[in-house]
Amino acid sequence: MSVSEKEVQELKKELSEMKSLITDYVKETKNAANSAFSPDQMKSLAHELGQNVRGFFDDKKDVIVDQKKSCETKIQENPLASTLIAFVGGAILAALISKK
């Protein structure tokens, strides 16, 4: 399993919504005489954003660890095939790079 495109899009949507909220708040308070973010408001917004991002990556950490273990197991089960695949991939990459 890997991070799905849908999950990435959801995170982008949440970040965009937070950006919109902050932008709207700045526009609203800009018109007021003494408007500015209070330290508590900034701290609260930053904390909420941090929790959303941290939660997303915490959820995906287990998936990444499982994928790494799966890959390592496959390499250990088939070392020759893994070596050949890596060699061919490197050769293709070298050929692409050297054509510049």
C-alpha atoms as a PDB file:
ATOM      1  CA  MET A   1       0.000   0.000   0.000  1.00  0.00           C
ATOM      2  CA  SER A   2       1.147   3.505  -0.631  1.00  0.00           C
ATOM      3  CA  VAL A   3      -0.148   6.992  -0.063  1.00  0.00           C
ATOM      4  CA  SER A   4      -3.081   7.275  -2.391  1.00  0.00           C
ATOM      5  CA  GLU A   5      -3.648  10.193  -4.679  1.00  0.00           C
ATOM      6  CA  LYS A   6      -6.981  10.744  -2.936  1.00  0.00           C
ATOM      7  CA  GLU A   7      -5.283  11.140   0.453  1.00  0.00           C
ATOM      8  CA  VAL A   8      -2.776  13.603  -0.953  1.00  0.00           C
ATOM      9  CA  GLN A   9      -5.593  15.573  -2.555  1.00  0.00           C
ATOM     10  CA  GLU A  10      -7.490  15.613   0.757  1.00  0.00           C
ATOM     11  CA  LEU A  11      -4.436  16.983   2.556  1.00  0.00           C
ATOM     12  CA  LYS A  12      -3.956  19.626  -0.133  1.00  0.00           C
ATOM     13  CA  LYS A  13      -7.627  20.560   0.198  1.00  0.00           C
ATOM     14  CA  GLU A  14      -7.309  20.927   3.983  1.00  0.00           C
ATOM     15  CA  LEU A  15      -4.187  23.070   3.619  1.00  0.00           C
ATOM     16  CA  SER A  16      -5.912  25.187   0.984  1.00  0.00           C
ATOM     17  CA  GLU A  17      -8.922  25.672   3.253  1.00  0.00           C
ATOM     18  CA  MET A  18      -6.674  26.749   6.124  1.00  0.00           C
ATOM     19  CA  LYS A  19      -4.864  29.164   3.823  1.00  0.00           C
ATOM     20  CA  SER A  20      -8.209  30.549   2.726  1.00  0.00           C
ATOM     21  CA  LEU A  21      -9.344  30.976   6.328  1.00  0.00           C
ATOM     22  CA  ILE A  22      -6.154  32.827   7.228  1.00  0.00           C
ATOM     23  CA  THR A  23      -6.395  34.982   4.107  1.00  0.00           C
ATOM     24  CA  ASP A  24     -10.022  35.843   4.843  1.00  0.00           C
ATOM     25  CA  TYR A  25      -9.175  36.691   8.429  1.00  0.00           C
ATOM     26  CA  VAL A  26      -6.316  38.955   7.335  1.00  0.00           C
ATOM     27  CA  LYS A  27      -8.569  40.728   4.826  1.00  0.00           C
ATOM     28  CA  GLU A  28     -11.265  41.233   7.445  1.00  0.00           C
ATOM     29  CA  THR A  29      -8.898  42.494  10.109  1.00  0.00           C
ATOM     30  CA  LYS A  30      -6.916  44.634   7.684  1.00  0.00           C
ATOM     31  CA  ASN A  31      -9.852  47.013   7.491  1.00  0.00           C
ATOM     32  CA  ALA A  32     -10.030  47.398  11.241  1.00  0.00           C
ATOM     33  CA  ALA A  33      -7.966  50.168  12.837  1.00  0.00           C
ATOM     34  CA  ASN A  34      -5.800  48.026  15.090  1.00  0.00           C
ATOM     35  CA  SER A  35      -5.907  44.688  13.406  1.00  0.00           C
ATOM     36  CA  ALA A  36      -3.296  42.009  13.645  1.00  0.00           C
ATOM     37  CA  PHE A  37      -3.080  38.392  14.605  1.00  0.00           C
ATOM     38  CA  SER A  38      -2.689  37.996  18.290  1.00  0.00           C
ATOM     39  CA  PRO A  39       0.038  35.603  19.359  1.00  0.00           C
ATOM     40  CA  ASP A  40      -2.631  33.248  20.692  1.00  0.00           C
ATOM     41  CA  GLN A  41      -4.476  33.207  17.356  1.00  0.00           C
ATOM     42  CA  MET A  42      -1.283  32.531  15.410  1.00  0.00           C
ATOM     43  CA  LYS A  43      -0.307  29.821  17.859  1.00  0.00           C
ATOM     44  CA  SER A  44      -3.726  28.211  17.546  1.00  0.00           C
ATOM     45  CA  LEU A  45      -3.690  28.272  13.728  1.00  0.00           C
ATOM     46  CA  ALA A  46      -0.143  26.936  13.561  1.00  0.00           C
ATOM     47  CA  HIS A  47      -0.970  24.218  16.064  1.00  0.00           C
ATOM     48  CA  GLU A  48      -4.034  23.118  14.079  1.00  0.00           C
ATOM     49  CA  LEU A  49      -2.090  23.028  10.827  1.00  0.00           C
ATOM     50  CA  GLY A  50       0.740  21.131  12.474  1.00  0.00           C
ATOM     51  CA  GLN A  51      -1.661  18.553  13.895  1.00  0.00           C
ATOM     52  CA  ASN A  52      -3.246  17.984  10.483  1.00  0.00           C
ATOM     53  CA  VAL A  53       0.087  17.501   8.733  1.00  0.00           C
ATOM     54  CA  ARG A  54       1.562  15.428  11.574  1.00  0.00           C
ATOM     55  CA  GLY A  55      -1.530  13.214  11.658  1.00  0.00           C
ATOM     56  CA  PHE A  56      -1.336  12.592   7.930  1.00  0.00           C
ATOM     57  CA  PHE A  57       2.307  11.556   8.055  1.00  0.00           C
ATOM     58  CA  ASP A  58       1.854   9.486  11.211  1.00  0.00           C
ATOM     59  CA  ASP A  59      -0.879   7.545   9.433  1.00  0.00           C
ATOM     60  CA  LYS A  60       1.355   6.961   6.433  1.00  0.00           C
ATOM     61  CA  LYS A  61       4.476   6.079   8.446  1.00  0.00           C
ATOM     62  CA  ASP A  62       3.252   2.529   9.102  1.00  0.00           C
ATOM     63  CA  VAL A  63       2.435   2.024   5.436  1.00  0.00           C
ATOM     64  CA  ILE A  64       5.917   3.166   4.408  1.00  0.00           C
ATOM     65  CA  VAL A  65       7.599   0.894   6.968  1.00  0.00           C
ATOM     66  CA  ASP A  66       5.540  -2.079   5.731  1.00  0.00           C
ATOM     67  CA  GLN A  67       6.491  -1.337   2.117  1.00  0.00           C
ATOM     68  CA  LYS A  68      10.165  -1.118   3.044  1.00  0.00           C
ATOM     69  CA  LYS A  69      10.034  -4.478   4.816  1.00  0.00           C
ATOM     70  CA  SER A  70       8.207  -6.032   1.880  1.00  0.00           C
ATOM     71  CA  CYS A  71      10.827  -4.733  -0.546  1.00  0.00           C
ATOM     72  CA  GLU A  72      13.686  -5.996   1.628  1.00  0.00           C
ATOM     73  CA  THR A  73      12.046  -9.425   1.875  1.00  0.00           C
ATOM     74  CA  LYS A  74      11.660  -9.679  -1.894  1.00  0.00           C
ATOM     75  CA  ILE A  75      15.307  -8.712  -2.392  1.00  0.00           C
ATOM     76  CA  GLN A  76      16.426 -11.343   0.117  1.00  0.00           C
ATOM     77  CA  GLU A  77      14.224 -14.001  -1.488  1.00  0.00           C
ATOM     78  CA  ASN A  78      15.496 -13.229  -5.022  1.00  0.00           C
ATOM     79  CA  PRO A  79      18.971 -11.647  -4.777  1.00  0.00           C
ATOM     80  CA  LEU A  80      19.988 -12.470  -8.352  1.00  0.00           C
ATOM     81  CA  ALA A  81      16.833 -11.083  -9.917  1.00  0.00           C
ATOM     82  CA  SER A  82      17.070  -7.995  -7.708  1.00  0.00           C
ATOM     83  CA  THR A  83      20.664  -7.422  -8.755  1.00  0.00           C
ATOM     84  CA  LEU A  84      19.817  -7.810 -12.437  1.00  0.00           C
ATOM     85  CA  ILE A  85      16.869  -5.428 -12.151  1.00  0.00           C
ATOM     86  CA  ALA A  86      19.056  -2.841 -10.416  1.00  0.00           C
ATOM     87  CA  PHE A  87      21.774  -3.249 -13.066  1.00  0.00           C
ATOM     88  CA  VAL A  88      19.343  -2.861 -15.968  1.00  0.00           C
ATOM     89  CA  GLY A  89      17.700   0.140 -14.310  1.00  0.00           C
ATOM     90  CA  GLY A  90      21.103   1.752 -13.751  1.00  0.00           C
ATOM     91  CA  ALA A  91      22.149   1.051 -17.327  1.00  0.00           C
ATOM     92  CA  ILE A  92      18.965   2.647 -18.684  1.00  0.00           C
ATOM     93  CA  LEU A  93      19.392   5.652 -16.419  1.00  0.00           C
ATOM     94  CA  ALA A  94      23.044   6.031 -17.465  1.00  0.00           C
ATOM     95  CA  ALA A  95      22.060   5.821 -21.122  1.00  0.00           C
ATOM     96  CA  LEU A  96      19.423   8.510 -20.678  1.00  0.00           C
ATOM     97  CA  ILE A  97      21.776  10.807 -18.806  1.00  0.00           C
ATOM     98  CA  SER A  98      24.664  10.376 -21.235  1.00  0.00           C
ATOM     99  CA  LYS A  99      22.526  11.410 -24.246  1.00  0.00           C
ATOM    100  CA  LYS A 100      22.466  15.028 -23.094  1.00  0.00           C
END
